[in-house]
Amino acid sequence: MVSAAFAFLMLSGFLFAAVNGTMADVNEALFQSMEQSIELALSLAGILLFWTGVMKTAEGAGIVKALANTVQPLLGRLFPEIPDGHPVFGYIASNMAANFFGLGNAATPIGLKTMRELKKLNGDQDTASRSMVTFLALNTAAVTLIPTTVIAISLKHGASNPTDIILPALFATVMSAFFAILLDRYYAHKRIR
């Protein structure tokens, strides 16, 4: 269905450009966007590779295990399906820390690693476990202290005080995380019944 809608939008756009005589503009925009998408993909690939390497190094050095043991009491209540002392708690904490400091690109590979580990705990089933759903809710509604991307964009466009966004962003993300956990608990208990 989505493919048909996308094909219809593309064809109608090309048809509209041909009728209005703006096909040259469409071609120019098309090639510019292709170039920008390749640049974006390469820059994201570099960031993902870097943070995946950092995570592997931290895992090998025992930092992830130590972090897992530190946050186990708090996260154990949110993720009751995960056995005590499991290294996935370290991945969850690392993901939350990366999101907290506005490092969304760093949180992505850590989040993917976390989901892989949670899937293993779920017996490699195709259906998401309660812990996977809870992690997805927390990751999506992550508490963010420093929204680095928004600050960088504000600086790029000449904002006089780009850090004005910090307190409203913190409040909004705390509220979103609170309601994400609330809704997750509600639906988890509803599923059990």
N, C-alpha and C. Protein backbone atom coordinates (compact mmCIF):
# COMPACT_ATOMS: atom_id res chain seq x y z
N MET A 1 0.81 -1.19 0.00
CA MET A 1 0.00 0.00 0.00
C MET A 1 0.86 1.27 0.00
N VAL A 2 1.89 1.26 0.85
CA VAL A 2 2.78 2.42 0.92
C VAL A 2 3.53 2.59 -0.39
N SER A 3 3.96 1.47 -0.98
CA SER A 3 4.67 1.53 -2.26
C SER A 3 3.79 2.13 -3.34
N ALA A 4 2.52 1.76 -3.37
CA ALA A 4 1.60 2.30 -4.38
C ALA A 4 1.40 3.79 -4.17
N ALA A 5 1.27 4.22 -2.91
CA ALA A 5 1.09 5.64 -2.61
C ALA A 5 2.34 6.42 -3.01
N PHE A 6 3.52 5.86 -2.70
CA PHE A 6 4.77 6.52 -3.06
C PHE A 6 4.92 6.62 -4.57
N ALA A 7 4.60 5.56 -5.29
CA ALA A 7 4.68 5.56 -6.75
C ALA A 7 3.71 6.60 -7.33
N PHE A 8 2.50 6.68 -6.77
CA PHE A 8 1.53 7.67 -7.24
C PHE A 8 2.05 9.09 -7.02
N LEU A 9 2.63 9.36 -5.85
CA LEU A 9 3.16 10.70 -5.57
C LEU A 9 4.31 11.06 -6.51
N MET A 10 5.19 10.10 -6.76
CA MET A 10 6.31 10.37 -7.67
C MET A 10 5.82 10.65 -9.09
N LEU A 11 4.93 9.79 -9.60
CA LEU A 11 4.42 9.97 -10.97
C LEU A 11 3.65 11.26 -11.11
N SER A 12 2.83 11.58 -10.12
CA SER A 12 2.06 12.83 -10.21
C SER A 12 2.98 14.04 -10.11
N GLY A 13 4.06 13.93 -9.33
CA GLY A 13 5.03 15.02 -9.25
C GLY A 13 5.75 15.23 -10.57
N PHE A 14 6.19 14.14 -11.20
CA PHE A 14 6.84 14.25 -12.50
C PHE A 14 5.88 14.79 -13.56
N LEU A 15 4.65 14.32 -13.53
CA LEU A 15 3.65 14.80 -14.49
C LEU A 15 3.38 16.29 -14.30
N PHE A 16 3.25 16.71 -13.05
CA PHE A 16 3.02 18.13 -12.75
C PHE A 16 4.19 18.99 -13.22
N ALA A 17 5.43 18.48 -12.99
CA ALA A 17 6.63 19.22 -13.43
C ALA A 17 6.68 19.30 -14.95
N ALA A 18 6.30 18.23 -15.64
CA ALA A 18 6.32 18.23 -17.11
C ALA A 18 5.30 19.22 -17.66
N VAL A 19 4.11 19.26 -17.06
CA VAL A 19 3.05 20.17 -17.52
C VAL A 19 3.45 21.62 -17.28
N ASN A 20 4.08 21.90 -16.14
CA ASN A 20 4.46 23.28 -15.78
C ASN A 20 5.81 23.70 -16.35
N GLY A 21 6.52 22.79 -16.98
CA GLY A 21 7.81 23.12 -17.59
C GLY A 21 8.93 23.28 -16.57
N THR A 22 8.82 22.62 -15.44
CA THR A 22 9.85 22.73 -14.40
C THR A 22 10.62 21.42 -14.22
N MET A 23 10.69 20.62 -15.27
CA MET A 23 11.38 19.34 -15.18
C MET A 23 12.87 19.52 -14.90
N ALA A 24 13.48 20.58 -15.40
CA ALA A 24 14.90 20.83 -15.14
C ALA A 24 15.13 21.06 -13.64
N ASP A 25 14.22 21.79 -12.99
CA ASP A 25 14.34 22.01 -11.54
C ASP A 25 14.20 20.70 -10.76
N VAL A 26 13.28 19.86 -11.23
CA VAL A 26 13.08 18.56 -10.57
C VAL A 26 14.34 17.71 -10.70
N ASN A 27 14.93 17.68 -11.89
CA ASN A 27 16.15 16.90 -12.09
C ASN A 27 17.29 17.43 -11.22
N GLU A 28 17.42 18.75 -11.12
CA GLU A 28 18.47 19.34 -10.30
C GLU A 28 18.26 18.97 -8.82
N ALA A 29 17.03 19.09 -8.35
CA ALA A 29 16.73 18.74 -6.96
C ALA A 29 16.96 17.26 -6.70
N LEU A 30 16.62 16.43 -7.68
CA LEU A 30 16.80 14.99 -7.55
C LEU A 30 18.27 14.63 -7.37
N PHE A 31 19.13 15.22 -8.22
CA PHE A 31 20.56 14.90 -8.13
C PHE A 31 21.20 15.51 -6.88
N GLN A 32 20.75 16.68 -6.45
CA GLN A 32 21.26 17.27 -5.21
C GLN A 32 20.90 16.40 -4.00
N SER A 33 19.67 15.93 -3.97
CA SER A 33 19.24 15.10 -2.84
C SER A 33 19.97 13.77 -2.83
N MET A 34 20.26 13.22 -4.00
CA MET A 34 21.04 11.97 -4.05
C MET A 34 22.42 12.18 -3.46
N GLU A 35 23.05 13.29 -3.84
CA GLU A 35 24.39 13.59 -3.33
C GLU A 35 24.36 13.79 -1.81
N GLN A 36 23.36 14.52 -1.32
CA GLN A 36 23.24 14.75 0.12
C GLN A 36 22.96 13.46 0.88
N SER A 37 22.16 12.57 0.30
CA SER A 37 21.85 11.32 0.99
C SER A 37 23.08 10.43 1.09
N ILE A 38 23.93 10.43 0.05
CA ILE A 38 25.17 9.65 0.11
C ILE A 38 26.10 10.22 1.18
N GLU A 39 26.23 11.55 1.24
CA GLU A 39 27.07 12.18 2.25
C GLU A 39 26.56 11.86 3.65
N LEU A 40 25.24 11.93 3.84
CA LEU A 40 24.65 11.62 5.14
C LEU A 40 24.90 10.16 5.52
N ALA A 41 24.70 9.26 4.57
CA ALA A 41 24.90 7.83 4.84
C ALA A 41 26.34 7.55 5.24
N LEU A 42 27.30 8.16 4.54
CA LEU A 42 28.71 7.95 4.87
C LEU A 42 29.06 8.52 6.24
N SER A 43 28.54 9.73 6.55
CA SER A 43 28.85 10.32 7.85
C SER A 43 28.22 9.50 8.98
N LEU A 44 26.99 9.02 8.77
CA LEU A 44 26.35 8.19 9.80
C LEU A 44 27.06 6.85 9.95
N ALA A 45 27.52 6.29 8.84
CA ALA A 45 28.25 5.02 8.91
C ALA A 45 29.51 5.17 9.74
N GLY A 46 30.22 6.28 9.55
CA GLY A 46 31.42 6.54 10.34
C GLY A 46 31.12 6.65 11.82
N ILE A 47 30.06 7.38 12.15
CA ILE A 47 29.68 7.55 13.56
C ILE A 47 29.26 6.22 14.16
N LEU A 48 28.45 5.46 13.41
CA LEU A 48 27.99 4.16 13.92
C LEU A 48 29.17 3.22 14.14
N LEU A 49 30.10 3.20 13.21
CA LEU A 49 31.27 2.33 13.37
C LEU A 49 32.11 2.75 14.58
N PHE A 50 32.28 4.05 14.75
CA PHE A 50 33.06 4.54 15.89
C PHE A 50 32.43 4.11 17.21
N TRP A 51 31.13 4.37 17.38
CA TRP A 51 30.48 4.05 18.65
C TRP A 51 30.32 2.55 18.86
N THR A 52 30.20 1.78 17.80
CA THR A 52 30.18 0.34 17.94
C THR A 52 31.54 -0.15 18.46
N GLY A 53 32.60 0.44 17.94
CA GLY A 53 33.95 0.12 18.43
C GLY A 53 34.14 0.51 19.88
N VAL A 54 33.65 1.68 20.25
CA VAL A 54 33.73 2.12 21.65
C VAL A 54 33.00 1.14 22.55
N MET A 55 31.82 0.70 22.09
CA MET A 55 31.02 -0.23 22.89
C MET A 55 31.73 -1.57 23.03
N LYS A 56 32.33 -2.06 21.95
CA LYS A 56 33.08 -3.33 22.00
C LYS A 56 34.27 -3.22 22.96
N THR A 57 34.96 -2.07 22.91
CA THR A 57 36.10 -1.85 23.80
C THR A 57 35.64 -1.81 25.25
N ALA A 58 34.54 -1.08 25.51
CA ALA A 58 34.00 -1.01 26.87
C ALA A 58 33.55 -2.38 27.36
N GLU A 59 33.00 -3.17 26.47
CA GLU A 59 32.56 -4.52 26.82
C GLU A 59 33.77 -5.39 27.17
N GLY A 60 34.82 -5.31 26.36
CA GLY A 60 36.03 -6.09 26.60
C GLY A 60 36.76 -5.68 27.86
N ALA A 61 36.68 -4.38 28.21
CA ALA A 61 37.35 -3.88 29.41
C ALA A 61 36.56 -4.13 30.69
N GLY A 62 35.33 -4.63 30.54
CA GLY A 62 34.51 -4.91 31.72
C GLY A 62 33.69 -3.72 32.20
N ILE A 63 33.72 -2.62 31.44
CA ILE A 63 32.98 -1.43 31.84
C ILE A 63 31.48 -1.66 31.75
N VAL A 64 31.04 -2.36 30.71
CA VAL A 64 29.61 -2.64 30.54
C VAL A 64 29.10 -3.49 31.69
N LYS A 65 29.88 -4.49 32.09
CA LYS A 65 29.50 -5.37 33.21
C LYS A 65 29.40 -4.57 34.50
N ALA A 66 30.37 -3.69 34.74
CA ALA A 66 30.35 -2.86 35.95
C ALA A 66 29.15 -1.93 35.96
N LEU A 67 28.86 -1.34 34.80
CA LEU A 67 27.71 -0.46 34.68
C LEU A 67 26.41 -1.24 34.90
N ALA A 68 26.37 -2.46 34.38
CA ALA A 68 25.19 -3.32 34.57
C ALA A 68 24.95 -3.61 36.04
N ASN A 69 26.02 -3.89 36.78
CA ASN A 69 25.88 -4.17 38.21
C ASN A 69 25.45 -2.93 38.99
N THR A 70 25.89 -1.75 38.54
CA THR A 70 25.53 -0.51 39.23
C THR A 70 24.06 -0.17 39.06
N VAL A 71 23.54 -0.32 37.86
CA VAL A 71 22.15 0.08 37.58
C VAL A 71 21.15 -1.06 37.74
N GLN A 72 21.64 -2.25 38.04
CA GLN A 72 20.78 -3.43 38.18
C GLN A 72 19.57 -3.19 39.11
N PRO A 73 19.75 -2.62 40.31
CA PRO A 73 18.59 -2.46 41.20
C PRO A 73 17.50 -1.57 40.61
N LEU A 74 17.87 -0.49 39.94
CA LEU A 74 16.88 0.42 39.36
C LEU A 74 16.22 -0.19 38.13
N LEU A 75 17.03 -0.66 37.20
CA LEU A 75 16.49 -1.18 35.95
C LEU A 75 15.83 -2.55 36.12
N GLY A 76 16.18 -3.27 37.17
CA GLY A 76 15.57 -4.56 37.43
C GLY A 76 14.07 -4.47 37.62
N ARG A 77 13.61 -3.35 38.16
CA ARG A 77 12.17 -3.16 38.35
C ARG A 77 11.45 -2.86 37.04
N LEU A 78 12.14 -2.17 36.13
CA LEU A 78 11.55 -1.87 34.82
C LEU A 78 11.60 -3.08 33.89
N PHE A 79 12.59 -3.94 34.09
CA PHE A 79 12.79 -5.10 33.21
C PHE A 79 12.82 -6.38 34.04
N PRO A 80 11.65 -6.81 34.57
CA PRO A 80 11.64 -7.99 35.45
C PRO A 80 11.97 -9.30 34.74
N GLU A 81 11.87 -9.35 33.41
CA GLU A 81 12.17 -10.58 32.67
C GLU A 81 13.66 -10.86 32.55
N ILE A 82 14.49 -9.82 32.73
CA ILE A 82 15.94 -9.98 32.54
C ILE A 82 16.55 -10.55 33.83
N PRO A 83 17.33 -11.62 33.71
CA PRO A 83 17.95 -12.21 34.91
C PRO A 83 18.94 -11.24 35.58
N ASP A 84 19.05 -11.35 36.89
CA ASP A 84 19.99 -10.51 37.65
C ASP A 84 21.41 -10.68 37.14
N GLY A 85 22.12 -9.56 37.03
CA GLY A 85 23.51 -9.59 36.62
C GLY A 85 23.75 -9.77 35.14
N HIS A 86 22.71 -9.75 34.33
CA HIS A 86 22.88 -9.94 32.88
C HIS A 86 23.53 -8.69 32.27
N PRO A 87 24.47 -8.86 31.34
CA PRO A 87 25.16 -7.70 30.73
C PRO A 87 24.23 -6.74 29.97
N VAL A 88 23.03 -7.17 29.60
CA VAL A 88 22.13 -6.30 28.84
C VAL A 88 21.76 -5.06 29.65
N PHE A 89 21.81 -5.15 30.99
CA PHE A 89 21.55 -3.97 31.81
C PHE A 89 22.59 -2.87 31.53
N GLY A 90 23.82 -3.27 31.26
CA GLY A 90 24.87 -2.30 30.91
C GLY A 90 24.59 -1.63 29.59
N TYR A 91 24.08 -2.40 28.62
CA TYR A 91 23.74 -1.82 27.33
C TYR A 91 22.57 -0.85 27.46
N ILE A 92 21.58 -1.22 28.26
CA ILE A 92 20.43 -0.34 28.47
C ILE A 92 20.89 0.96 29.12
N ALA A 93 21.74 0.85 30.14
CA ALA A 93 22.25 2.04 30.83
C ALA A 93 23.10 2.90 29.89
N SER A 94 23.92 2.27 29.05
CA SER A 94 24.75 3.02 28.09
C SER A 94 23.88 3.76 27.09
N ASN A 95 22.81 3.10 26.63
CA ASN A 95 21.89 3.73 25.69
C ASN A 95 21.21 4.92 26.33
N MET A 96 20.76 4.76 27.57
CA MET A 96 20.09 5.85 28.28
C MET A 96 21.05 7.02 28.51
N ALA A 97 22.31 6.71 28.83
CA ALA A 97 23.30 7.77 29.05
C ALA A 97 23.60 8.53 27.76
N ALA A 98 23.72 7.81 26.65
CA ALA A 98 23.97 8.47 25.36
C ALA A 98 22.80 9.38 24.99
N ASN A 99 21.57 8.90 25.19
CA ASN A 99 20.41 9.74 24.92
C ASN A 99 20.34 10.93 25.87
N PHE A 100 20.72 10.74 27.13
CA PHE A 100 20.68 11.80 28.13
C PHE A 100 21.57 12.97 27.73
N PHE A 101 22.72 12.66 27.16
CA PHE A 101 23.64 13.71 26.74
C PHE A 101 23.46 14.12 25.29
N GLY A 102 22.35 13.72 24.68
CA GLY A 102 22.02 14.15 23.33
C GLY A 102 22.84 13.51 22.24
N LEU A 103 23.41 12.37 22.51
CA LEU A 103 24.24 11.68 21.52
C LEU A 103 23.43 10.59 20.83
N GLY A 104 22.40 11.00 20.10
CA GLY A 104 21.51 10.06 19.45
C GLY A 104 22.23 9.11 18.51
N ASN A 105 23.25 9.61 17.82
CA ASN A 105 24.01 8.75 16.91
C ASN A 105 24.80 7.70 17.67
N ALA A 106 25.20 8.00 18.89
CA ALA A 106 25.89 7.01 19.72
C ALA A 106 24.89 6.03 20.31
N ALA A 107 23.68 6.50 20.59
CA ALA A 107 22.66 5.63 21.19
C ALA A 107 22.16 4.57 20.20
N THR A 108 22.22 4.87 18.91
CA THR A 108 21.68 3.94 17.92
C THR A 108 22.39 2.59 17.91
N PRO A 109 23.72 2.52 17.76
CA PRO A 109 24.35 1.19 17.76
C PRO A 109 24.22 0.48 19.10
N ILE A 110 24.23 1.25 20.19
CA ILE A 110 24.06 0.64 21.51
C ILE A 110 22.64 0.07 21.63
N GLY A 111 21.66 0.82 21.11
CA GLY A 111 20.28 0.36 21.13
C GLY A 111 20.09 -0.90 20.30
N LEU A 112 20.75 -0.95 19.14
CA LEU A 112 20.66 -2.15 18.30
C LEU A 112 21.28 -3.36 19.00
N LYS A 113 22.41 -3.15 19.65
CA LYS A 113 23.06 -4.23 20.41
C LYS A 113 22.14 -4.68 21.55
N THR A 114 21.50 -3.73 22.22
CA THR A 114 20.58 -4.06 23.31
C THR A 114 19.43 -4.91 22.80
N MET A 115 18.84 -4.51 21.67
CA MET A 115 17.72 -5.28 21.11
C MET A 115 18.15 -6.69 20.71
N ARG A 116 19.37 -6.83 20.17
CA ARG A 116 19.86 -8.16 19.82
C ARG A 116 19.97 -9.05 21.06
N GLU A 117 20.50 -8.47 22.14
CA GLU A 117 20.63 -9.22 23.38
C GLU A 117 19.26 -9.56 23.97
N LEU A 118 18.32 -8.62 23.90
CA LEU A 118 16.98 -8.88 24.40
C LEU A 118 16.28 -9.95 23.56
N LYS A 119 16.56 -9.95 22.26
CA LYS A 119 15.97 -10.98 21.39
C LYS A 119 16.53 -12.36 21.75
N LYS A 120 17.83 -12.43 22.07
CA LYS A 120 18.41 -13.70 22.50
C LYS A 120 17.73 -14.19 23.78
N LEU A 121 17.50 -13.26 24.72
CA LEU A 121 16.82 -13.63 25.96
C LEU A 121 15.39 -14.10 25.70
N ASN A 122 14.82 -13.64 24.60
CA ASN A 122 13.45 -13.98 24.23
C ASN A 122 13.40 -15.28 23.40
N GLY A 123 14.52 -15.94 23.30
CA GLY A 123 14.57 -17.19 22.53
C GLY A 123 14.56 -16.97 21.04
N ASP A 124 15.05 -15.82 20.59
CA ASP A 124 15.10 -15.46 19.16
C ASP A 124 13.74 -15.54 18.47
N GLN A 125 12.70 -15.29 19.23
CA GLN A 125 11.36 -15.27 18.65
C GLN A 125 11.16 -14.00 17.84
N ASP A 126 10.21 -14.04 16.91
CA ASP A 126 9.90 -12.86 16.10
C ASP A 126 8.96 -11.90 16.81
N THR A 127 8.36 -12.32 17.91
CA THR A 127 7.46 -11.48 18.68
C THR A 127 8.25 -10.76 19.76
N ALA A 128 8.00 -9.47 19.93
CA ALA A 128 8.73 -8.69 20.93
C ALA A 128 8.33 -9.11 22.35
N SER A 129 9.34 -9.20 23.21
CA SER A 129 9.08 -9.52 24.62
C SER A 129 8.68 -8.25 25.36
N ARG A 130 8.25 -8.43 26.59
CA ARG A 130 7.88 -7.27 27.41
C ARG A 130 9.09 -6.35 27.58
N SER A 131 10.26 -6.92 27.80
CA SER A 131 11.48 -6.11 27.98
C SER A 131 11.83 -5.34 26.71
N MET A 132 11.62 -5.95 25.55
CA MET A 132 11.90 -5.27 24.29
C MET A 132 10.97 -4.07 24.11
N VAL A 133 9.70 -4.26 24.44
CA VAL A 133 8.73 -3.17 24.32
C VAL A 133 9.08 -2.04 25.29
N THR A 134 9.42 -2.40 26.53
CA THR A 134 9.80 -1.40 27.53
C THR A 134 11.03 -0.63 27.08
N PHE A 135 12.03 -1.35 26.57
CA PHE A 135 13.24 -0.66 26.11
C PHE A 135 12.94 0.27 24.94
N LEU A 136 12.12 -0.17 24.01
CA LEU A 136 11.77 0.67 22.88
C LEU A 136 11.05 1.93 23.35
N ALA A 137 10.15 1.79 24.31
CA ALA A 137 9.44 2.95 24.85
C ALA A 137 10.41 3.93 25.52
N LEU A 138 11.32 3.39 26.33
CA LEU A 138 12.30 4.26 27.00
C LEU A 138 13.26 4.91 26.02
N ASN A 139 13.68 4.18 25.03
CA ASN A 139 14.61 4.72 24.04
C ASN A 139 13.95 5.80 23.20
N THR A 140 12.70 5.59 22.84
CA THR A 140 11.99 6.57 22.02
C THR A 140 11.70 7.85 22.79
N ALA A 141 11.34 7.70 24.07
CA ALA A 141 11.00 8.85 24.90
C ALA A 141 12.16 9.18 25.83
N ALA A 142 13.37 9.12 25.33
CA ALA A 142 14.57 9.26 26.16
C ALA A 142 14.67 10.63 26.82
N VAL A 143 15.04 10.61 28.09
CA VAL A 143 15.30 11.86 28.81
C VAL A 143 16.58 12.46 28.26
N THR A 144 16.51 13.74 27.86
CA THR A 144 17.66 14.39 27.25
C THR A 144 17.99 15.68 28.00
N LEU A 145 19.20 15.76 28.53
CA LEU A 145 19.65 16.96 29.22
C LEU A 145 20.16 17.99 28.22
N ILE A 146 20.99 17.53 27.29
CA ILE A 146 21.60 18.44 26.33
C ILE A 146 21.22 18.00 24.92
N PRO A 147 20.24 18.66 24.30
CA PRO A 147 19.85 18.29 22.93
C PRO A 147 20.88 18.85 21.93
N THR A 148 21.98 18.11 21.76
CA THR A 148 23.10 18.61 20.97
C THR A 148 22.72 18.90 19.52
N THR A 149 21.87 18.09 18.93
CA THR A 149 21.49 18.30 17.53
C THR A 149 20.74 19.62 17.37
N VAL A 150 19.79 19.88 18.26
CA VAL A 150 19.01 21.12 18.19
C VAL A 150 19.90 22.33 18.44
N ILE A 151 20.82 22.21 19.39
CA ILE A 151 21.74 23.32 19.67
C ILE A 151 22.64 23.57 18.46
N ALA A 152 23.13 22.49 17.82
CA ALA A 152 23.99 22.64 16.64
C ALA A 152 23.24 23.31 15.49
N ILE A 153 22.00 22.91 15.27
CA ILE A 153 21.20 23.52 14.20
C ILE A 153 20.93 25.00 14.52
N SER A 154 20.64 25.29 15.79
CA SER A 154 20.40 26.68 16.19
C SER A 154 21.64 27.54 15.98
N LEU A 155 22.80 27.00 16.33
CA LEU A 155 24.05 27.72 16.10
C LEU A 155 24.29 27.97 14.62
N LYS A 156 24.02 26.95 13.83
CA LYS A 156 24.24 27.05 12.38
C LYS A 156 23.39 28.15 11.76
N HIS A 157 22.18 28.33 12.32
CA HIS A 157 21.27 29.34 11.77
C HIS A 157 21.31 30.65 12.52
N GLY A 158 22.33 30.86 13.35
CA GLY A 158 22.58 32.14 13.97
C GLY A 158 21.71 32.50 15.17
N ALA A 159 21.27 31.50 15.93
CA ALA A 159 20.47 31.78 17.12
C ALA A 159 21.31 32.55 18.14
N SER A 160 20.70 33.54 18.79
CA SER A 160 21.44 34.35 19.74
C SER A 160 21.78 33.57 21.01
N ASN A 161 20.89 32.71 21.46
CA ASN A 161 21.16 31.89 22.63
C ASN A 161 20.62 30.47 22.39
N PRO A 162 21.38 29.64 21.72
CA PRO A 162 20.89 28.31 21.35
C PRO A 162 20.66 27.37 22.53
N THR A 163 21.23 27.69 23.69
CA THR A 163 21.06 26.81 24.85
C THR A 163 19.76 27.07 25.61
N ASP A 164 18.95 28.02 25.14
CA ASP A 164 17.65 28.26 25.76
C ASP A 164 16.74 27.04 25.69
N ILE A 165 17.04 26.12 24.82
CA ILE A 165 16.21 24.94 24.62
C ILE A 165 16.42 23.88 25.70
N ILE A 166 17.48 23.98 26.49
CA ILE A 166 17.84 22.91 27.43
C ILE A 166 16.74 22.63 28.44
N LEU A 167 16.27 23.63 29.18
CA LEU A 167 15.24 23.38 30.20
C LEU A 167 13.91 22.90 29.61
N PRO A 168 13.39 23.55 28.56
CA PRO A 168 12.15 23.01 27.98
C PRO A 168 12.31 21.58 27.44
N ALA A 169 13.46 21.29 26.84
CA ALA A 169 13.71 19.94 26.31
C ALA A 169 13.79 18.93 27.45
N LEU A 170 14.45 19.30 28.53
CA LEU A 170 14.56 18.41 29.68
C LEU A 170 13.17 18.12 30.25
N PHE A 171 12.37 19.16 30.42
CA PHE A 171 11.02 18.97 30.95
C PHE A 171 10.18 18.09 30.02
N ALA A 172 10.24 18.38 28.72
CA ALA A 172 9.45 17.62 27.75
C ALA A 172 9.87 16.15 27.72
N THR A 173 11.17 15.89 27.76
CA THR A 173 11.63 14.51 27.68
C THR A 173 11.39 13.74 28.98
N VAL A 174 11.46 14.42 30.13
CA VAL A 174 11.13 13.76 31.40
C VAL A 174 9.66 13.37 31.38
N MET A 175 8.80 14.28 30.92
CA MET A 175 7.37 13.98 30.85
C MET A 175 7.09 12.85 29.85
N SER A 176 7.76 12.87 28.71
CA SER A 176 7.54 11.81 27.72
C SER A 176 8.00 10.46 28.25
N ALA A 177 9.13 10.43 28.96
CA ALA A 177 9.61 9.18 29.53
C ALA A 177 8.66 8.68 30.62
N PHE A 178 8.15 9.60 31.45
CA PHE A 178 7.20 9.23 32.50
C PHE A 178 5.96 8.59 31.90
N PHE A 179 5.39 9.22 30.88
CA PHE A 179 4.18 8.68 30.26
C PHE A 179 4.47 7.41 29.46
N ALA A 180 5.66 7.30 28.89
CA ALA A 180 6.03 6.07 28.18
C ALA A 180 6.07 4.90 29.15
N ILE A 181 6.67 5.10 30.32
CA ILE A 181 6.73 4.04 31.33
C ILE A 181 5.33 3.73 31.84
N LEU A 182 4.53 4.76 32.08
CA LEU A 182 3.16 4.58 32.57
C LEU A 182 2.33 3.75 31.58
N LEU A 183 2.39 4.12 30.30
CA LEU A 183 1.65 3.38 29.28
C LEU A 183 2.19 1.95 29.10
N ASP A 184 3.49 1.82 29.18
CA ASP A 184 4.10 0.49 29.06
C ASP A 184 3.62 -0.41 30.19
N ARG A 185 3.62 0.10 31.42
CA ARG A 185 3.15 -0.70 32.56
C ARG A 185 1.67 -1.05 32.41
N TYR A 186 0.88 -0.08 31.96
CA TYR A 186 -0.56 -0.30 31.80
C TYR A 186 -0.81 -1.45 30.81
N TYR A 187 -0.18 -1.37 29.64
CA TYR A 187 -0.40 -2.40 28.62
C TYR A 187 0.25 -3.73 29.00
N ALA A 188 1.34 -3.71 29.75
CA ALA A 188 1.96 -4.96 30.20
C ALA A 188 1.01 -5.68 31.16
N HIS A 189 0.41 -4.94 32.08
CA HIS A 189 -0.54 -5.57 33.02
C HIS A 189 -1.81 -6.00 32.31
N LYS A 190 -2.23 -5.24 31.30
CA LYS A 190 -3.43 -5.60 30.55
C LYS A 190 -3.20 -6.90 29.76
N ARG A 191 -1.98 -7.08 29.24
CA ARG A 191 -1.65 -8.30 28.50
C ARG A 191 -1.65 -9.52 29.39
N ILE A 192 -1.22 -9.34 30.66
CA ILE A 192 -1.14 -10.47 31.59
C ILE A 192 -2.53 -11.01 31.91
N ARG A 193 -3.51 -10.12 32.01
CA ARG A 193 -4.88 -10.53 32.38
C ARG A 193 -5.51 -11.41 31.39
